[in-house]
Amino acid sequence: MPSDEFSITTRRENLDRASRGNWDLLVIGGGITGAGTARDAAQRGLRVALVEGEDFAGGTSSRTGRMVHGGLRYLAEGHLRLVVESLA
């Protein structure tokens, strides 16, 4: 029975299992965009594999991550200058 654990100790087992799988969608990149895409697709019933070369969510300081985490709130409140500053 495969482990549900997701860690460095189960990395090889998880990669082997993923390579044998039949996936509807392969998402490459575990940042905010990749994780969100994978989550949305899985909630819609697709079989999703998500792979990341480094650390999941390691790119959350990127422009995309900053926009999702703070920029959308500023945008909704009409603070366009703050959005531009946060992305600069």
PDB file of N, CA and C in Angstrom:
ATOM      1  N   MET A   1       0.853  -1.190   0.000  1.00  0.00           N
ATOM      2  CA  MET A   1       0.000   0.000   0.000  1.00  0.00           C
ATOM      3  C   MET A   1       0.890   1.240   0.000  1.00  0.00           C
ATOM      4  N   PRO A   2       0.706   2.162  -0.972  1.00  0.00           N
ATOM      5  CA  PRO A   2       1.526   3.359  -1.022  1.00  0.00           C
ATOM      6  C   PRO A   2       1.251   4.259   0.181  1.00  0.00           C
ATOM      7  N   SER A   3       2.277   4.969   0.566  1.00  0.00           N
ATOM      8  CA  SER A   3       2.172   5.890   1.685  1.00  0.00           C
ATOM      9  C   SER A   3       1.505   7.184   1.222  1.00  0.00           C
ATOM     10  N   ASP A   4       0.733   7.807   2.114  1.00  0.00           N
ATOM     11  CA  ASP A   4       0.163   9.124   1.826  1.00  0.00           C
ATOM     12  C   ASP A   4       1.120  10.236   2.241  1.00  0.00           C
ATOM     13  N   GLU A   5       2.253   9.836   2.823  1.00  0.00           N
ATOM     14  CA  GLU A   5       3.235  10.818   3.281  1.00  0.00           C
ATOM     15  C   GLU A   5       3.855  11.521   2.081  1.00  0.00           C
ATOM     16  N   PHE A   6       4.103  12.798   2.250  1.00  0.00           N
ATOM     17  CA  PHE A   6       4.744  13.594   1.215  1.00  0.00           C
ATOM     18  C   PHE A   6       5.964  14.242   1.845  1.00  0.00           C
ATOM     19  N   SER A   7       7.118  13.628   1.645  1.00  0.00           N
ATOM     20  CA  SER A   7       8.340  14.151   2.240  1.00  0.00           C
ATOM     21  C   SER A   7       9.531  13.672   1.427  1.00  0.00           C
ATOM     22  N   ILE A   8      10.707  14.127   1.830  1.00  0.00           N
ATOM     23  CA  ILE A   8      11.932  13.706   1.137  1.00  0.00           C
ATOM     24  C   ILE A   8      12.137  12.203   1.257  1.00  0.00           C
ATOM     25  N   THR A   9      11.644  11.609   2.330  1.00  0.00           N
ATOM     26  CA  THR A   9      11.835  10.168   2.516  1.00  0.00           C
ATOM     27  C   THR A   9      10.954   9.343   1.580  1.00  0.00           C
ATOM     28  N   THR A  10       9.891   9.908   1.081  1.00  0.00           N
ATOM     29  CA  THR A  10       8.997   9.181   0.165  1.00  0.00           C
ATOM     30  C   THR A  10       9.080   9.714  -1.264  1.00  0.00           C
ATOM     31  N   ARG A  11      10.051  10.590  -1.528  1.00  0.00           N
ATOM     32  CA  ARG A  11      10.161  11.218  -2.850  1.00  0.00           C
ATOM     33  C   ARG A  11      10.269  10.185  -3.974  1.00  0.00           C
ATOM     34  N   ARG A  12      11.178   9.231  -3.857  1.00  0.00           N
ATOM     35  CA  ARG A  12      11.384   8.253  -4.921  1.00  0.00           C
ATOM     36  C   ARG A  12      10.114   7.447  -5.161  1.00  0.00           C
ATOM     37  N   GLU A  13       9.475   6.984  -4.090  1.00  0.00           N
ATOM     38  CA  GLU A  13       8.232   6.209  -4.214  1.00  0.00           C
ATOM     39  C   GLU A  13       7.151   7.034  -4.911  1.00  0.00           C
ATOM     40  N   ASN A  14       7.028   8.304  -4.527  1.00  0.00           N
ATOM     41  CA  ASN A  14       6.009   9.164  -5.133  1.00  0.00           C
ATOM     42  C   ASN A  14       6.302   9.428  -6.606  1.00  0.00           C
ATOM     43  N   LEU A  15       7.580   9.631  -6.953  1.00  0.00           N
ATOM     44  CA  LEU A  15       7.936   9.838  -8.364  1.00  0.00           C
ATOM     45  C   LEU A  15       7.669   8.586  -9.188  1.00  0.00           C
ATOM     46  N   ASP A  16       8.011   7.426  -8.640  1.00  0.00           N
ATOM     47  CA  ASP A  16       7.738   6.167  -9.350  1.00  0.00           C
ATOM     48  C   ASP A  16       6.244   5.976  -9.565  1.00  0.00           C
ATOM     49  N   ARG A  17       5.458   6.238  -8.538  1.00  0.00           N
ATOM     50  CA  ARG A  17       4.000   6.090  -8.635  1.00  0.00           C
ATOM     51  C   ARG A  17       3.439   7.080  -9.655  1.00  0.00           C
ATOM     52  N   ALA A  18       3.950   8.314  -9.647  1.00  0.00           N
ATOM     53  CA  ALA A  18       3.464   9.329 -10.588  1.00  0.00           C
ATOM     54  C   ALA A  18       3.799   8.948 -12.028  1.00  0.00           C
ATOM     55  N   SER A  19       4.968   8.354 -12.236  1.00  0.00           N
ATOM     56  CA  SER A  19       5.359   7.999 -13.608  1.00  0.00           C
ATOM     57  C   SER A  19       4.513   6.866 -14.173  1.00  0.00           C
ATOM     58  N   ARG A  20       3.897   6.083 -13.317  1.00  0.00           N
ATOM     59  CA  ARG A  20       3.036   4.986 -13.774  1.00  0.00           C
ATOM     60  C   ARG A  20       1.571   5.415 -13.892  1.00  0.00           C
ATOM     61  N   GLY A  21       1.268   6.611 -13.455  1.00  0.00           N
ATOM     62  CA  GLY A  21      -0.122   7.059 -13.423  1.00  0.00           C
ATOM     63  C   GLY A  21      -0.654   7.464 -14.782  1.00  0.00           C
ATOM     64  N   ASN A  22      -1.949   7.558 -14.850  1.00  0.00           N
ATOM     65  CA  ASN A  22      -2.653   8.032 -16.033  1.00  0.00           C
ATOM     66  C   ASN A  22      -3.308   9.350 -15.639  1.00  0.00           C
ATOM     67  N   TRP A  23      -2.748  10.459 -16.103  1.00  0.00           N
ATOM     68  CA  TRP A  23      -3.165  11.775 -15.639  1.00  0.00           C
ATOM     69  C   TRP A  23      -3.919  12.534 -16.722  1.00  0.00           C
ATOM     70  N   ASP A  24      -4.903  13.299 -16.289  1.00  0.00           N
ATOM     71  CA  ASP A  24      -5.605  14.203 -17.201  1.00  0.00           C
ATOM     72  C   ASP A  24      -4.806  15.485 -17.417  1.00  0.00           C
ATOM     73  N   LEU A  25      -4.056  15.867 -16.384  1.00  0.00           N
ATOM     74  CA  LEU A  25      -3.321  17.130 -16.432  1.00  0.00           C
ATOM     75  C   LEU A  25      -2.022  16.995 -15.653  1.00  0.00           C
ATOM     76  N   LEU A  26      -0.926  17.450 -16.251  1.00  0.00           N
ATOM     77  CA  LEU A  26       0.355  17.538 -15.573  1.00  0.00           C
ATOM     78  C   LEU A  26       0.676  19.007 -15.403  1.00  0.00           C
ATOM     79  N   VAL A  27       0.829  19.434 -14.165  1.00  0.00           N
ATOM     80  CA  VAL A  27       1.175  20.817 -13.860  1.00  0.00           C
ATOM     81  C   VAL A  27       2.645  20.837 -13.459  1.00  0.00           C
ATOM     82  N   ILE A  28       3.425  21.659 -14.137  1.00  0.00           N
ATOM     83  CA  ILE A  28       4.848  21.775 -13.840  1.00  0.00           C
ATOM     84  C   ILE A  28       5.062  23.106 -13.137  1.00  0.00           C
ATOM     85  N   GLY A  29       5.469  23.032 -11.885  1.00  0.00           N
ATOM     86  CA  GLY A  29       5.716  24.225 -11.079  1.00  0.00           C
ATOM     87  C   GLY A  29       4.746  24.293  -9.918  1.00  0.00           C
ATOM     88  N   GLY A  30       5.291  24.311  -8.718  1.00  0.00           N
ATOM     89  CA  GLY A  30       4.467  24.286  -7.512  1.00  0.00           C
ATOM     90  C   GLY A  30       4.351  25.624  -6.814  1.00  0.00           C
ATOM     91  N   GLY A  31       4.505  26.706  -7.563  1.00  0.00           N
ATOM     92  CA  GLY A  31       4.284  28.029  -6.988  1.00  0.00           C
ATOM     93  C   GLY A  31       2.791  28.297  -6.852  1.00  0.00           C
ATOM     94  N   ILE A  32       2.440  29.528  -6.608  1.00  0.00           N
ATOM     95  CA  ILE A  32       1.035  29.876  -6.387  1.00  0.00           C
ATOM     96  C   ILE A  32       0.184  29.584  -7.619  1.00  0.00           C
ATOM     97  N   THR A  33       0.721  29.822  -8.805  1.00  0.00           N
ATOM     98  CA  THR A  33      -0.054  29.584 -10.027  1.00  0.00           C
ATOM     99  C   THR A  33      -0.226  28.088 -10.278  1.00  0.00           C
ATOM    100  N   GLY A  34       0.853  27.324 -10.173  1.00  0.00           N
ATOM    101  CA  GLY A  34       0.768  25.878 -10.385  1.00  0.00           C
ATOM    102  C   GLY A  34      -0.104  25.187  -9.356  1.00  0.00           C
ATOM    103  N   ALA A  35       0.079  25.552  -8.089  1.00  0.00           N
ATOM    104  CA  ALA A  35      -0.719  24.940  -7.023  1.00  0.00           C
ATOM    105  C   ALA A  35      -2.197  25.276  -7.189  1.00  0.00           C
ATOM    106  N   GLY A  36      -2.477  26.511  -7.553  1.00  0.00           N
ATOM    107  CA  GLY A  36      -3.867  26.914  -7.762  1.00  0.00           C
ATOM    108  C   GLY A  36      -4.493  26.208  -8.950  1.00  0.00           C
ATOM    109  N   THR A  37      -3.727  26.059 -10.014  1.00  0.00           N
ATOM    110  CA  THR A  37      -4.205  25.349 -11.201  1.00  0.00           C
ATOM    111  C   THR A  37      -4.487  23.890 -10.876  1.00  0.00           C
ATOM    112  N   ALA A  38      -3.551  23.253 -10.169  1.00  0.00           N
ATOM    113  CA  ALA A  38      -3.730  21.847  -9.799  1.00  0.00           C
ATOM    114  C   ALA A  38      -4.943  21.673  -8.898  1.00  0.00           C
ATOM    115  N   ARG A  39      -5.098  22.556  -7.938  1.00  0.00           N
ATOM    116  CA  ARG A  39      -6.237  22.468  -7.007  1.00  0.00           C
ATOM    117  C   ARG A  39      -7.559  22.614  -7.748  1.00  0.00           C
ATOM    118  N   ASP A  40      -7.635  23.612  -8.619  1.00  0.00           N
ATOM    119  CA  ASP A  40      -8.866  23.859  -9.362  1.00  0.00           C
ATOM    120  C   ASP A  40      -9.218  22.655 -10.245  1.00  0.00           C
ATOM    121  N   ALA A  41      -8.218  22.118 -10.936  1.00  0.00           N
ATOM    122  CA  ALA A  41      -8.470  20.974 -11.811  1.00  0.00           C
ATOM    123  C   ALA A  41      -8.912  19.752 -11.013  1.00  0.00           C
ATOM    124  N   ALA A  42      -8.271  19.518  -9.870  1.00  0.00           N
ATOM    125  CA  ALA A  42      -8.652  18.376  -9.030  1.00  0.00           C
ATOM    126  C   ALA A  42     -10.073  18.537  -8.500  1.00  0.00           C
ATOM    127  N   GLN A  43     -10.440  19.758  -8.134  1.00  0.00           N
ATOM    128  CA  GLN A  43     -11.804  19.992  -7.654  1.00  0.00           C
ATOM    129  C   GLN A  43     -12.838  19.783  -8.758  1.00  0.00           C
ATOM    130  N   ARG A  44     -12.412  19.895 -10.004  1.00  0.00           N
ATOM    131  CA  ARG A  44     -13.308  19.662 -11.139  1.00  0.00           C
ATOM    132  C   ARG A  44     -13.345  18.192 -11.553  1.00  0.00           C
ATOM    133  N   GLY A  45     -12.624  17.356 -10.809  1.00  0.00           N
ATOM    134  CA  GLY A  45     -12.665  15.924 -11.053  1.00  0.00           C
ATOM    135  C   GLY A  45     -11.564  15.374 -11.933  1.00  0.00           C
ATOM    136  N   LEU A  46     -10.608  16.200 -12.328  1.00  0.00           N
ATOM    137  CA  LEU A  46      -9.502  15.721 -13.153  1.00  0.00           C
ATOM    138  C   LEU A  46      -8.459  15.029 -12.279  1.00  0.00           C
ATOM    139  N   ARG A  47      -7.776  14.049 -12.871  1.00  0.00           N
ATOM    140  CA  ARG A  47      -6.640  13.409 -12.189  1.00  0.00           C
ATOM    141  C   ARG A  47      -5.415  14.251 -12.506  1.00  0.00           C
ATOM    142  N   VAL A  48      -4.829  14.838 -11.468  1.00  0.00           N
ATOM    143  CA  VAL A  48      -3.779  15.841 -11.639  1.00  0.00           C
ATOM    144  C   VAL A  48      -2.475  15.382 -10.996  1.00  0.00           C
ATOM    145  N   ALA A  49      -1.382  15.567 -11.724  1.00  0.00           N
ATOM    146  CA  ALA A  49      -0.045  15.384 -11.166  1.00  0.00           C
ATOM    147  C   ALA A  49       0.628  16.749 -11.145  1.00  0.00           C
ATOM    148  N   LEU A  50       1.232  17.084 -10.019  1.00  0.00           N
ATOM    149  CA  LEU A  50       1.930  18.358  -9.848  1.00  0.00           C
ATOM    150  C   LEU A  50       3.385  18.055  -9.538  1.00  0.00           C
ATOM    151  N   VAL A  51       4.294  18.565 -10.347  1.00  0.00           N
ATOM    152  CA  VAL A  51       5.721  18.349 -10.113  1.00  0.00           C
ATOM    153  C   VAL A  51       6.411  19.695  -9.934  1.00  0.00           C
ATOM    154  N   GLU A  52       7.433  19.677  -9.083  1.00  0.00           N
ATOM    155  CA  GLU A  52       8.183  20.890  -8.761  1.00  0.00           C
ATOM    156  C   GLU A  52       9.651  20.519  -8.655  1.00  0.00           C
ATOM    157  N   GLY A  53      10.514  21.309  -9.243  1.00  0.00           N
ATOM    158  CA  GLY A  53      11.941  21.013  -9.243  1.00  0.00           C
ATOM    159  C   GLY A  53      12.651  21.397  -7.971  1.00  0.00           C
ATOM    160  N   GLU A  54      12.131  22.318  -7.230  1.00  0.00           N
ATOM    161  CA  GLU A  54      12.793  22.793  -6.017  1.00  0.00           C
ATOM    162  C   GLU A  54      11.904  22.541  -4.808  1.00  0.00           C
ATOM    163  N   ASP A  55      11.317  23.597  -4.288  1.00  0.00           N
ATOM    164  CA  ASP A  55      10.495  23.517  -3.089  1.00  0.00           C
ATOM    165  C   ASP A  55       9.112  24.072  -3.403  1.00  0.00           C
ATOM    166  N   PHE A  56       8.066  23.356  -3.016  1.00  0.00           N
ATOM    167  CA  PHE A  56       6.720  23.852  -3.280  1.00  0.00           C
ATOM    168  C   PHE A  56       6.529  25.209  -2.622  1.00  0.00           C
ATOM    169  N   ALA A  57       5.914  26.107  -3.350  1.00  0.00           N
ATOM    170  CA  ALA A  57       5.636  27.474  -2.911  1.00  0.00           C
ATOM    171  C   ALA A  57       6.912  28.270  -2.690  1.00  0.00           C
ATOM    172  N   GLY A  58       8.011  27.825  -3.212  1.00  0.00           N
ATOM    173  CA  GLY A  58       9.270  28.547  -3.058  1.00  0.00           C
ATOM    174  C   GLY A  58       9.292  29.858  -3.822  1.00  0.00           C
ATOM    175  N   GLY A  59       8.445  30.018  -4.810  1.00  0.00           N
ATOM    176  CA  GLY A  59       8.426  31.236  -5.609  1.00  0.00           C
ATOM    177  C   GLY A  59       7.354  32.219  -5.203  1.00  0.00           C
ATOM    178  N   THR A  60       6.867  32.142  -3.970  1.00  0.00           N
ATOM    179  CA  THR A  60       5.768  33.023  -3.584  1.00  0.00           C
ATOM    180  C   THR A  60       6.184  34.474  -3.459  1.00  0.00           C
ATOM    181  N   SER A  61       7.477  34.749  -3.520  1.00  0.00           N
ATOM    182  CA  SER A  61       7.903  36.140  -3.510  1.00  0.00           C
ATOM    183  C   SER A  61       7.951  36.712  -4.922  1.00  0.00           C
ATOM    184  N   SER A  62       7.610  35.888  -5.899  1.00  0.00           N
ATOM    185  CA  SER A  62       7.615  36.361  -7.281  1.00  0.00           C
ATOM    186  C   SER A  62       6.462  37.340  -7.507  1.00  0.00           C
ATOM    187  N   ARG A  63       6.471  37.951  -8.646  1.00  0.00           N
ATOM    188  CA  ARG A  63       5.422  38.934  -8.946  1.00  0.00           C
ATOM    189  C   ARG A  63       4.035  38.323  -8.921  1.00  0.00           C
ATOM    190  N   THR A  64       3.904  37.122  -9.467  1.00  0.00           N
ATOM    191  CA  THR A  64       2.594  36.472  -9.463  1.00  0.00           C
ATOM    192  C   THR A  64       2.110  36.247  -8.045  1.00  0.00           C
ATOM    193  N   GLY A  65       2.983  35.747  -7.198  1.00  0.00           N
ATOM    194  CA  GLY A  65       2.617  35.491  -5.803  1.00  0.00           C
ATOM    195  C   GLY A  65       2.251  36.757  -5.063  1.00  0.00           C
ATOM    196  N   ARG A  66       3.015  37.813  -5.273  1.00  0.00           N
ATOM    197  CA  ARG A  66       2.699  39.080  -4.605  1.00  0.00           C
ATOM    198  C   ARG A  66       1.351  39.610  -5.067  1.00  0.00           C
ATOM    199  N   MET A  67       1.058  39.451  -6.361  1.00  0.00           N
ATOM    200  CA  MET A  67      -0.226  39.921  -6.884  1.00  0.00           C
ATOM    201  C   MET A  67      -1.376  39.165  -6.238  1.00  0.00           C
ATOM    202  N   VAL A  68      -1.230  37.851  -6.114  1.00  0.00           N
ATOM    203  CA  VAL A  68      -2.298  37.051  -5.521  1.00  0.00           C
ATOM    204  C   VAL A  68      -2.442  37.359  -4.048  1.00  0.00           C
ATOM    205  N   HIS A  69      -1.319  37.440  -3.327  1.00  0.00           N
ATOM    206  CA  HIS A  69      -1.377  37.605  -1.881  1.00  0.00           C
ATOM    207  C   HIS A  69      -1.768  39.012  -1.438  1.00  0.00           C
ATOM    208  N   GLY A  70      -1.400  40.030  -2.179  1.00  0.00           N
ATOM    209  CA  GLY A  70      -1.701  41.388  -1.740  1.00  0.00           C
ATOM    210  C   GLY A  70      -2.329  42.266  -2.793  1.00  0.00           C
ATOM    211  N   GLY A  71      -1.888  42.098  -4.021  1.00  0.00           N
ATOM    212  CA  GLY A  71      -2.313  42.990  -5.092  1.00  0.00           C
ATOM    213  C   GLY A  71      -3.792  42.945  -5.386  1.00  0.00           C
ATOM    214  N   LEU A  72      -4.390  41.771  -5.313  1.00  0.00           N
ATOM    215  CA  LEU A  72      -5.822  41.678  -5.613  1.00  0.00           C
ATOM    216  C   LEU A  72      -6.663  42.429  -4.584  1.00  0.00           C
ATOM    217  N   ARG A  73      -6.224  42.373  -3.334  1.00  0.00           N
ATOM    218  CA  ARG A  73      -6.947  43.111  -2.289  1.00  0.00           C
ATOM    219  C   ARG A  73      -6.864  44.615  -2.563  1.00  0.00           C
ATOM    220  N   TYR A  74      -5.649  45.087  -2.894  1.00  0.00           N
ATOM    221  CA  TYR A  74      -5.476  46.508  -3.205  1.00  0.00           C
ATOM    222  C   TYR A  74      -6.285  46.889  -4.439  1.00  0.00           C
ATOM    223  N   LEU A  75      -6.293  46.016  -5.423  1.00  0.00           N
ATOM    224  CA  LEU A  75      -7.033  46.280  -6.656  1.00  0.00           C
ATOM    225  C   LEU A  75      -8.526  46.406  -6.382  1.00  0.00           C
ATOM    226  N   ALA A  76      -9.048  45.486  -5.579  1.00  0.00           N
ATOM    227  CA  ALA A  76     -10.477  45.516  -5.245  1.00  0.00           C
ATOM    228  C   ALA A  76     -10.854  46.785  -4.490  1.00  0.00           C
ATOM    229  N   GLU A  77      -9.907  47.318  -3.720  1.00  0.00           N
ATOM    230  CA  GLU A  77     -10.175  48.544  -2.961  1.00  0.00           C
ATOM    231  C   GLU A  77      -9.889  49.803  -3.766  1.00  0.00           C
ATOM    232  N   GLY A  78      -9.420  49.628  -5.018  1.00  0.00           N
ATOM    233  CA  GLY A  78      -9.167  50.769  -5.881  1.00  0.00           C
ATOM    234  C   GLY A  78      -7.835  51.447  -5.658  1.00  0.00           C
ATOM    235  N   HIS A  79      -6.906  50.794  -4.973  1.00  0.00           N
ATOM    236  CA  HIS A  79      -5.585  51.371  -4.697  1.00  0.00           C
ATOM    237  C   HIS A  79      -4.599  50.946  -5.783  1.00  0.00           C
ATOM    238  N   LEU A  80      -4.769  51.488  -6.973  1.00  0.00           N
ATOM    239  CA  LEU A  80      -3.949  51.090  -8.113  1.00  0.00           C
ATOM    240  C   LEU A  80      -2.475  51.410  -7.907  1.00  0.00           C
ATOM    241  N   ARG A  81      -2.172  52.530  -7.245  1.00  0.00           N
ATOM    242  CA  ARG A  81      -0.779  52.895  -7.004  1.00  0.00           C
ATOM    243  C   ARG A  81      -0.074  51.830  -6.170  1.00  0.00           C
ATOM    244  N   LEU A  82      -0.760  51.290  -5.164  1.00  0.00           N
ATOM    245  CA  LEU A  82      -0.165  50.253  -4.329  1.00  0.00           C
ATOM    246  C   LEU A  82       0.083  48.974  -5.120  1.00  0.00           C
ATOM    247  N   VAL A  83      -0.808  48.661  -6.052  1.00  0.00           N
ATOM    248  CA  VAL A  83      -0.615  47.481  -6.907  1.00  0.00           C
ATOM    249  C   VAL A  83       0.644  47.652  -7.747  1.00  0.00           C
ATOM    250  N   VAL A  84       0.780  48.818  -8.361  1.00  0.00           N
ATOM    251  CA  VAL A  84       1.948  49.080  -9.198  1.00  0.00           C
ATOM    252  C   VAL A  84       3.220  49.004  -8.351  1.00  0.00           C
ATOM    253  N   GLU A  85       3.217  49.595  -7.170  1.00  0.00           N
ATOM    254  CA  GLU A  85       4.377  49.556  -6.285  1.00  0.00           C
ATOM    255  C   GLU A  85       4.721  48.140  -5.855  1.00  0.00           C
ATOM    256  N   SER A  86       3.717  47.324  -5.561  1.00  0.00           N
ATOM    257  CA  SER A  86       3.993  45.972  -5.080  1.00  0.00           C
ATOM    258  C   SER A  86       4.577  45.085  -6.175  1.00  0.00           C
ATOM    259  N   LEU A  87       4.328  45.430  -7.424  1.00  0.00           N
ATOM    260  CA  LEU A  87       4.836  44.634  -8.540  1.00  0.00           C
ATOM    261  C   LEU A  87       6.161  45.169  -9.095  1.00  0.00           C
ATOM    262  N   ALA A  88       6.550  46.343  -8.639  1.00  0.00           N
ATOM    263  CA  ALA A  88       7.795  46.979  -9.159  1.00  0.00           C
ATOM    264  C   ALA A  88       9.028  46.261  -8.632  1.00  0.00           C
TER     265      ALA A  88
END
